């Protein structure tokens, strides 16, 4: 306990210690106010709702494709050999082929 905070209650000292402990994270929040994990949390919530409402899919591939369609990560491409191929946008901007 510091000499300056000697006259403060134990509870308030605990709160001040917590603020000191998390000060770098609080400073980052103030420096970068536009960064947020909100969009990711929204996608996770949509996936959980889809699982709950779907009562199970016949395969993981169907479930994965439904998630990609729901989150608009599919990009349609041309038909090849009578089958419609989809390209999946990756976070890095690369495309992979998925049936």
Protein backbone atom coordinates (compact mmCIF):
# COMPACT_ATOMS: atom_id res chain seq x y z
CA UNK A 1 0.00 0.00 0.00
CA UNK A 2 1.37 3.43 -0.94
CA UNK A 3 1.75 6.26 1.55
CA UNK A 4 -0.61 8.37 -0.59
CA UNK A 5 -3.40 5.75 -0.51
CA UNK A 6 -3.01 4.83 3.15
CA UNK A 7 -6.09 6.82 4.13
CA UNK A 8 -8.31 5.17 1.49
CA UNK A 9 -10.53 2.17 2.17
CA UNK A 10 -9.43 -1.34 1.22
CA UNK A 11 -12.11 -1.58 -1.48
CA UNK A 12 -11.04 1.66 -3.15
CA UNK A 13 -7.38 0.59 -2.99
CA UNK A 14 -8.33 -2.66 -4.74
CA UNK A 15 -10.12 -0.70 -7.49
CA UNK A 16 -7.09 1.57 -7.97
CA UNK A 17 -4.75 -1.45 -8.18
CA UNK A 18 -7.02 -2.98 -10.82
CA UNK A 19 -6.92 0.24 -12.86
CA UNK A 20 -3.11 0.29 -12.61
CA UNK A 21 -2.95 -3.34 -13.72
CA UNK A 22 -5.13 -2.75 -16.80
CA UNK A 23 -3.81 0.74 -17.64
CA UNK A 24 -2.06 -0.28 -20.92
CA UNK A 25 -5.27 -1.89 -22.18
CA UNK A 26 -7.33 1.14 -21.21
CA UNK A 27 -4.84 3.41 -23.00
CA UNK A 28 -5.10 1.28 -26.15
CA UNK A 29 -8.87 1.61 -26.03
CA UNK A 30 -8.56 5.39 -25.91
CA UNK A 31 -5.90 5.50 -28.64
CA UNK A 32 -7.80 3.25 -31.06
CA UNK A 33 -11.51 3.90 -30.46
CA UNK A 34 -12.62 2.53 -33.85
CA UNK A 35 -11.19 -0.96 -33.25
CA UNK A 36 -13.75 -3.35 -31.86
CA UNK A 37 -14.45 -7.07 -31.72
CA UNK A 38 -18.16 -6.34 -32.21
CA UNK A 39 -18.34 -7.63 -35.81
CA UNK A 40 -16.73 -10.94 -34.83
CA UNK A 41 -19.08 -11.29 -31.87
CA UNK A 42 -21.99 -10.70 -34.27
CA UNK A 43 -20.82 -13.49 -36.58
CA UNK A 44 -20.38 -15.85 -33.61
CA UNK A 45 -23.92 -15.03 -32.45
CA UNK A 46 -25.33 -15.75 -35.93
CA UNK A 47 -23.56 -19.13 -36.00
CA UNK A 48 -24.93 -20.04 -32.57
CA UNK A 49 -28.46 -19.07 -33.64
CA UNK A 50 -28.07 -21.13 -36.82
CA UNK A 51 -26.99 -24.18 -34.79
CA UNK A 52 -29.87 -23.75 -32.39
CA UNK A 53 -32.49 -23.30 -35.12
CA UNK A 54 -31.05 -25.94 -37.45
CA UNK A 55 -31.31 -28.88 -35.01
CA UNK A 56 -28.30 -30.42 -36.71
CA UNK A 57 -27.21 -30.67 -40.29
CA UNK A 58 -26.60 -33.87 -42.23
CA UNK A 59 -22.91 -33.10 -42.54
CA UNK A 60 -20.38 -30.55 -41.40
CA UNK A 61 -19.90 -29.45 -45.03
CA UNK A 62 -23.56 -28.40 -45.28
CA UNK A 63 -23.32 -26.55 -41.98
CA UNK A 64 -20.09 -24.81 -43.06
CA UNK A 65 -21.58 -23.81 -46.41
CA UNK A 66 -24.66 -22.40 -44.68
CA UNK A 67 -22.44 -20.32 -42.40
CA UNK A 68 -20.47 -19.01 -45.37
CA UNK A 69 -23.67 -18.16 -47.25
CA UNK A 70 -25.16 -16.47 -44.21
CA UNK A 71 -22.06 -14.37 -43.57
CA UNK A 72 -21.72 -13.55 -47.30
CA UNK A 73 -18.27 -15.06 -47.68
CA UNK A 74 -19.24 -16.95 -50.84
CA UNK A 75 -18.54 -15.38 -54.21
CA UNK A 76 -20.22 -16.99 -57.17
CA UNK A 77 -18.10 -17.90 -60.17
CA UNK A 78 -18.88 -19.49 -63.50
CA UNK A 79 -20.25 -23.00 -63.95
CA UNK A 80 -17.64 -25.61 -64.73
CA UNK A 81 -18.71 -28.97 -66.09
CA UNK A 82 -22.35 -28.51 -65.12
CA UNK A 83 -21.58 -27.80 -61.43
CA UNK A 84 -21.65 -24.39 -59.90
CA UNK A 85 -18.36 -23.66 -58.16
CA UNK A 86 -18.03 -21.12 -55.40
CA UNK A 87 -14.97 -19.22 -54.34
CA UNK A 88 -14.60 -18.52 -50.64
CA UNK A 89 -13.12 -15.18 -49.66
CA UNK A 90 -10.47 -15.61 -47.05
CA UNK A 91 -9.55 -12.84 -44.63
CA UNK A 92 -6.33 -12.39 -46.62
CA UNK A 93 -8.18 -11.80 -49.88
CA UNK A 94 -7.27 -15.20 -51.35
CA UNK A 95 -9.87 -17.35 -53.05
CA UNK A 96 -10.31 -21.06 -52.58
CA UNK A 97 -12.70 -23.27 -54.51
CA UNK A 98 -15.56 -25.00 -52.73
CA UNK A 99 -18.34 -27.10 -54.21
